[in-house]
Amino acid sequence: MSNAPLFTSSLPFLITWKNWIFDVPNTATMRGVMMGAALGAIALAVRTLMGIERGYLRGGGAD
């Protein structure tokens, strides 16, 4: 919406707001998501190497 000619000509401050939203909060959110995914992958790798992770295909329900 902020790239539409009608909005950019009538509301020029909207471009500044859009750029800030795409730069600051969006970047912080993506960094948090990537760090969470990396920590999850590391935790899964450690559990697998230690033999704690049984895996989906080997079962693990009530016997």
PDB file of N, CA and C in Angstrom:
ATOM      1  N   MET A   1       0.823  -1.178   0.000  1.00  0.00           N
ATOM      2  CA  MET A   1       0.000   0.000   0.000  1.00  0.00           C
ATOM      3  C   MET A   1       0.873   1.249   0.000  1.00  0.00           C
ATOM      4  N   SER A   2       1.997   1.195   0.656  1.00  0.00           N
ATOM      5  CA  SER A   2       2.843   2.385   0.705  1.00  0.00           C
ATOM      6  C   SER A   2       3.581   2.621  -0.603  1.00  0.00           C
ATOM      7  N   ASN A   3       3.598   1.650  -1.495  1.00  0.00           N
ATOM      8  CA  ASN A   3       4.246   1.835  -2.791  1.00  0.00           C
ATOM      9  C   ASN A   3       3.284   2.332  -3.861  1.00  0.00           C
ATOM     10  N   ALA A   4       1.996   2.404  -3.548  1.00  0.00           N
ATOM     11  CA  ALA A   4       1.017   2.874  -4.516  1.00  0.00           C
ATOM     12  C   ALA A   4       1.210   4.371  -4.751  1.00  0.00           C
ATOM     13  N   PRO A   5       1.106   4.821  -5.991  1.00  0.00           N
ATOM     14  CA  PRO A   5       1.333   6.241  -6.289  1.00  0.00           C
ATOM     15  C   PRO A   5       0.384   7.181  -5.548  1.00  0.00           C
ATOM     16  N   LEU A   6      -0.851   6.755  -5.321  1.00  0.00           N
ATOM     17  CA  LEU A   6      -1.809   7.609  -4.625  1.00  0.00           C
ATOM     18  C   LEU A   6      -1.346   7.896  -3.197  1.00  0.00           C
ATOM     19  N   PHE A   7      -0.876   6.887  -2.514  1.00  0.00           N
ATOM     20  CA  PHE A   7      -0.451   7.067  -1.128  1.00  0.00           C
ATOM     21  C   PHE A   7       0.882   7.795  -1.033  1.00  0.00           C
ATOM     22  N   THR A   8       1.807   7.504  -1.923  1.00  0.00           N
ATOM     23  CA  THR A   8       3.119   8.154  -1.834  1.00  0.00           C
ATOM     24  C   THR A   8       3.048   9.632  -2.172  1.00  0.00           C
ATOM     25  N   SER A   9       2.138  10.015  -3.047  1.00  0.00           N
ATOM     26  CA  SER A   9       2.040  11.436  -3.390  1.00  0.00           C
ATOM     27  C   SER A   9       1.256  12.224  -2.344  1.00  0.00           C
ATOM     28  N   SER A  10       0.226  11.610  -1.768  1.00  0.00           N
ATOM     29  CA  SER A  10      -0.588  12.346  -0.800  1.00  0.00           C
ATOM     30  C   SER A  10      -0.070  12.216   0.633  1.00  0.00           C
ATOM     31  N   LEU A  11       0.618  11.136   0.927  1.00  0.00           N
ATOM     32  CA  LEU A  11       1.145  10.909   2.276  1.00  0.00           C
ATOM     33  C   LEU A  11       2.626  10.536   2.195  1.00  0.00           C
ATOM     34  N   PRO A  12       3.503  11.506   1.990  1.00  0.00           N
ATOM     35  CA  PRO A  12       4.924  11.172   1.801  1.00  0.00           C
ATOM     36  C   PRO A  12       5.594  10.595   3.048  1.00  0.00           C
ATOM     37  N   PHE A  13       5.060  10.899   4.236  1.00  0.00           N
ATOM     38  CA  PHE A  13       5.656  10.348   5.462  1.00  0.00           C
ATOM     39  C   PHE A  13       5.428   8.842   5.574  1.00  0.00           C
ATOM     40  N   LEU A  14       4.492   8.321   4.786  1.00  0.00           N
ATOM     41  CA  LEU A  14       4.207   6.892   4.823  1.00  0.00           C
ATOM     42  C   LEU A  14       5.397   6.070   4.340  1.00  0.00           C
ATOM     43  N   ILE A  15       6.178   6.610   3.432  1.00  0.00           N
ATOM     44  CA  ILE A  15       7.363   5.912   2.925  1.00  0.00           C
ATOM     45  C   ILE A  15       8.387   5.742   4.047  1.00  0.00           C
ATOM     46  N   THR A  16       8.568   6.783   4.846  1.00  0.00           N
ATOM     47  CA  THR A  16       9.511   6.708   5.960  1.00  0.00           C
ATOM     48  C   THR A  16       9.065   5.671   6.978  1.00  0.00           C
ATOM     49  N   TRP A  17       7.787   5.649   7.297  1.00  0.00           N
ATOM     50  CA  TRP A  17       7.264   4.669   8.244  1.00  0.00           C
ATOM     51  C   TRP A  17       7.431   3.257   7.713  1.00  0.00           C
ATOM     52  N   LYS A  18       7.133   3.071   6.427  1.00  0.00           N
ATOM     53  CA  LYS A  18       7.260   1.742   5.827  1.00  0.00           C
ATOM     54  C   LYS A  18       8.701   1.264   5.887  1.00  0.00           C
ATOM     55  N   ASN A  19       9.628   2.134   5.545  1.00  0.00           N
ATOM     56  CA  ASN A  19      11.042   1.753   5.581  1.00  0.00           C
ATOM     57  C   ASN A  19      11.484   1.397   6.994  1.00  0.00           C
ATOM     58  N   TRP A  20      11.014   2.156   7.990  1.00  0.00           N
ATOM     59  CA  TRP A  20      11.381   1.852   9.371  1.00  0.00           C
ATOM     60  C   TRP A  20      10.810   0.507   9.811  1.00  0.00           C
ATOM     61  N   ILE A  21       9.551   0.254   9.457  1.00  0.00           N
ATOM     62  CA  ILE A  21       8.919  -1.012   9.848  1.00  0.00           C
ATOM     63  C   ILE A  21       9.631  -2.190   9.204  1.00  0.00           C
ATOM     64  N   PHE A  22      10.008  -2.055   7.941  1.00  0.00           N
ATOM     65  CA  PHE A  22      10.690  -3.156   7.268  1.00  0.00           C
ATOM     66  C   PHE A  22      12.132  -3.310   7.727  1.00  0.00           C
ATOM     67  N   ASP A  23      12.731  -2.262   8.238  1.00  0.00           N
ATOM     68  CA  ASP A  23      14.131  -2.348   8.665  1.00  0.00           C
ATOM     69  C   ASP A  23      14.277  -2.792  10.115  1.00  0.00           C
ATOM     70  N   VAL A  24      13.572  -2.162  11.031  1.00  0.00           N
ATOM     71  CA  VAL A  24      13.837  -2.384  12.452  1.00  0.00           C
ATOM     72  C   VAL A  24      13.061  -3.576  13.029  1.00  0.00           C
ATOM     73  N   PRO A  25      11.735  -3.536  13.131  1.00  0.00           N
ATOM     74  CA  PRO A  25      11.047  -4.667  13.761  1.00  0.00           C
ATOM     75  C   PRO A  25      11.139  -5.957  12.949  1.00  0.00           C
ATOM     76  N   ASN A  26      11.096  -5.845  11.641  1.00  0.00           N
ATOM     77  CA  ASN A  26      11.161  -7.033  10.799  1.00  0.00           C
ATOM     78  C   ASN A  26      12.511  -7.719  10.941  1.00  0.00           C
ATOM     79  N   THR A  27      13.580  -6.954  10.972  1.00  0.00           N
ATOM     80  CA  THR A  27      14.916  -7.531  11.126  1.00  0.00           C
ATOM     81  C   THR A  27      15.070  -8.175  12.496  1.00  0.00           C
ATOM     82  N   ALA A  28      14.567  -7.527  13.527  1.00  0.00           N
ATOM     83  CA  ALA A  28      14.662  -8.094  14.874  1.00  0.00           C
ATOM     84  C   ALA A  28      13.874  -9.394  14.974  1.00  0.00           C
ATOM     85  N   THR A  29      12.711  -9.439  14.371  1.00  0.00           N
ATOM     86  CA  THR A  29      11.908 -10.657  14.395  1.00  0.00           C
ATOM     87  C   THR A  29      12.601 -11.790  13.665  1.00  0.00           C
ATOM     88  N   MET A  30      13.154 -11.506  12.507  1.00  0.00           N
ATOM     89  CA  MET A  30      13.836 -12.554  11.746  1.00  0.00           C
ATOM     90  C   MET A  30      15.075 -13.056  12.480  1.00  0.00           C
ATOM     91  N   ARG A  31      15.776 -12.177  13.170  1.00  0.00           N
ATOM     92  CA  ARG A  31      16.932 -12.624  13.955  1.00  0.00           C
ATOM     93  C   ARG A  31      16.492 -13.542  15.083  1.00  0.00           C
ATOM     94  N   GLY A  32      15.402 -13.209  15.739  1.00  0.00           N
ATOM     95  CA  GLY A  32      14.892 -14.060  16.810  1.00  0.00           C
ATOM     96  C   GLY A  32      14.456 -15.421  16.306  1.00  0.00           C
ATOM     97  N   VAL A  33      13.788 -15.452  15.169  1.00  0.00           N
ATOM     98  CA  VAL A  33      13.351 -16.723  14.586  1.00  0.00           C
ATOM     99  C   VAL A  33      14.550 -17.573  14.207  1.00  0.00           C
ATOM    100  N   MET A  34      15.550 -16.958  13.598  1.00  0.00           N
ATOM    101  CA  MET A  34      16.737 -17.713  13.186  1.00  0.00           C
ATOM    102  C   MET A  34      17.517 -18.234  14.394  1.00  0.00           C
ATOM    103  N   MET A  35      17.627 -17.435  15.450  1.00  0.00           N
ATOM    104  CA  MET A  35      18.334 -17.908  16.647  1.00  0.00           C
ATOM    105  C   MET A  35      17.569 -19.043  17.314  1.00  0.00           C
ATOM    106  N   GLY A  36      16.249 -18.962  17.344  1.00  0.00           N
ATOM    107  CA  GLY A  36      15.448 -20.045  17.914  1.00  0.00           C
ATOM    108  C   GLY A  36      15.579 -21.332  17.117  1.00  0.00           C
ATOM    109  N   ALA A  37      15.572 -21.219  15.791  1.00  0.00           N
ATOM    110  CA  ALA A  37      15.740 -22.407  14.951  1.00  0.00           C
ATOM    111  C   ALA A  37      17.125 -23.013  15.123  1.00  0.00           C
ATOM    112  N   ALA A  38      18.136 -22.176  15.241  1.00  0.00           N
ATOM    113  CA  ALA A  38      19.503 -22.678  15.425  1.00  0.00           C
ATOM    114  C   ALA A  38      19.650 -23.376  16.770  1.00  0.00           C
ATOM    115  N   LEU A  39      19.093 -22.791  17.823  1.00  0.00           N
ATOM    116  CA  LEU A  39      19.163 -23.435  19.140  1.00  0.00           C
ATOM    117  C   LEU A  39      18.402 -24.755  19.150  1.00  0.00           C
ATOM    118  N   GLY A  40      17.272 -24.810  18.479  1.00  0.00           N
ATOM    119  CA  GLY A  40      16.516 -26.056  18.386  1.00  0.00           C
ATOM    120  C   GLY A  40      17.278 -27.127  17.631  1.00  0.00           C
ATOM    121  N   ALA A  41      17.943 -26.742  16.549  1.00  0.00           N
ATOM    122  CA  ALA A  41      18.735 -27.706  15.782  1.00  0.00           C
ATOM    123  C   ALA A  41      19.921 -28.214  16.590  1.00  0.00           C
ATOM    124  N   ILE A  42      20.556 -27.330  17.335  1.00  0.00           N
ATOM    125  CA  ILE A  42      21.687 -27.746  18.178  1.00  0.00           C
ATOM    126  C   ILE A  42      21.205 -28.685  19.279  1.00  0.00           C
ATOM    127  N   ALA A  43      20.081 -28.361  19.903  1.00  0.00           N
ATOM    128  CA  ALA A  43      19.547 -29.220  20.962  1.00  0.00           C
ATOM    129  C   ALA A  43      19.178 -30.592  20.412  1.00  0.00           C
ATOM    130  N   LEU A  44      18.578 -30.643  19.238  1.00  0.00           N
ATOM    131  CA  LEU A  44      18.229 -31.923  18.627  1.00  0.00           C
ATOM    132  C   LEU A  44      19.472 -32.723  18.280  1.00  0.00           C
ATOM    133  N   ALA A  45      20.508 -32.056  17.786  1.00  0.00           N
ATOM    134  CA  ALA A  45      21.753 -32.757  17.456  1.00  0.00           C
ATOM    135  C   ALA A  45      22.401 -33.336  18.703  1.00  0.00           C
ATOM    136  N   VAL A  46      22.409 -32.578  19.789  1.00  0.00           N
ATOM    137  CA  VAL A  46      23.007 -33.072  21.037  1.00  0.00           C
ATOM    138  C   VAL A  46      22.210 -34.256  21.570  1.00  0.00           C
ATOM    139  N   ARG A  47      20.883 -34.156  21.541  1.00  0.00           N
ATOM    140  CA  ARG A  47      20.047 -35.260  22.021  1.00  0.00           C
ATOM    141  C   ARG A  47      20.233 -36.501  21.163  1.00  0.00           C
ATOM    142  N   THR A  48      20.391 -36.329  19.865  1.00  0.00           N
ATOM    143  CA  THR A  48      20.596 -37.468  18.979  1.00  0.00           C
ATOM    144  C   THR A  48      21.953 -38.109  19.230  1.00  0.00           C
ATOM    145  N   LEU A  49      22.986 -37.305  19.376  1.00  0.00           N
ATOM    146  CA  LEU A  49      24.326 -37.847  19.617  1.00  0.00           C
ATOM    147  C   LEU A  49      24.431 -38.544  20.972  1.00  0.00           C
ATOM    148  N   MET A  50      23.685 -38.073  21.954  1.00  0.00           N
ATOM    149  CA  MET A  50      23.710 -38.697  23.277  1.00  0.00           C
ATOM    150  C   MET A  50      22.793 -39.912  23.360  1.00  0.00           C
ATOM    151  N   GLY A  51      21.982 -40.127  22.350  1.00  0.00           N
ATOM    152  CA  GLY A  51      21.078 -41.274  22.345  1.00  0.00           C
ATOM    153  C   GLY A  51      19.790 -41.048  23.097  1.00  0.00           C
ATOM    154  N   ILE A  52      19.497 -39.825  23.451  1.00  0.00           N
ATOM    155  CA  ILE A  52      18.267 -39.521  24.187  1.00  0.00           C
ATOM    156  C   ILE A  52      17.079 -39.444  23.231  1.00  0.00           C
ATOM    157  N   GLU A  53      17.294 -38.939  22.048  1.00  0.00           N
ATOM    158  CA  GLU A  53      16.231 -38.767  21.060  1.00  0.00           C
ATOM    159  C   GLU A  53      15.919 -40.115  20.432  1.00  0.00           C
ATOM    160  N   ARG A  54      14.698 -40.596  20.624  1.00  0.00           N
ATOM    161  CA  ARG A  54      14.314 -41.896  20.094  1.00  0.00           C
ATOM    162  C   ARG A  54      13.876 -41.807  18.643  1.00  0.00           C
ATOM    163  N   GLY A  55      13.387 -40.702  18.236  1.00  0.00           N
ATOM    164  CA  GLY A  55      12.955 -40.542  16.854  1.00  0.00           C
ATOM    165  C   GLY A  55      11.494 -40.898  16.673  1.00  0.00           C
ATOM    166  N   TYR A  56      10.933 -40.454  15.601  1.00  0.00           N
ATOM    167  CA  TYR A  56       9.514 -40.650  15.333  1.00  0.00           C
ATOM    168  C   TYR A  56       9.232 -42.077  14.865  1.00  0.00           C
ATOM    169  N   LEU A  57      10.086 -42.638  14.041  1.00  0.00           N
ATOM    170  CA  LEU A  57       9.808 -43.929  13.434  1.00  0.00           C
ATOM    171  C   LEU A  57      10.060 -45.107  14.373  1.00  0.00           C
ATOM    172  N   ARG A  58      10.903 -44.957  15.375  1.00  0.00           N
ATOM    173  CA  ARG A  58      11.191 -46.059  16.291  1.00  0.00           C
ATOM    174  C   ARG A  58      10.121 -46.215  17.356  1.00  0.00           C
ATOM    175  N   GLY A  59       9.203 -45.341  17.377  1.00  0.00           N
ATOM    176  CA  GLY A  59       8.153 -45.444  18.383  1.00  0.00           C
ATOM    177  C   GLY A  59       8.507 -44.666  19.625  1.00  0.00           C
ATOM    178  N   GLY A  60       7.841 -44.958  20.667  1.00  0.00           N
ATOM    179  CA  GLY A  60       8.083 -44.244  21.907  1.00  0.00           C
ATOM    180  C   GLY A  60       6.805 -44.092  22.694  1.00  0.00           C
ATOM    181  N   GLY A  61       5.768 -44.741  22.189  1.00  0.00           N
ATOM    182  CA  GLY A  61       4.508 -44.696  22.909  1.00  0.00           C
ATOM    183  C   GLY A  61       4.509 -45.687  24.052  1.00  0.00           C
ATOM    184  N   ALA A  62       3.357 -45.853  24.645  1.00  0.00           N
ATOM    185  CA  ALA A  62       3.225 -46.798  25.756  1.00  0.00           C
ATOM    186  C   ALA A  62       3.333 -48.219  25.224  1.00  0.00           C
ATOM    187  N   ASP A  63       4.165 -49.012  25.862  1.00  0.00           N
ATOM    188  CA  ASP A  63       4.356 -50.405  25.420  1.00  0.00           C
ATOM    189  C   ASP A  63       3.574 -51.356  26.291  1.00  0.00           C
TER     190      ASP A  63
END
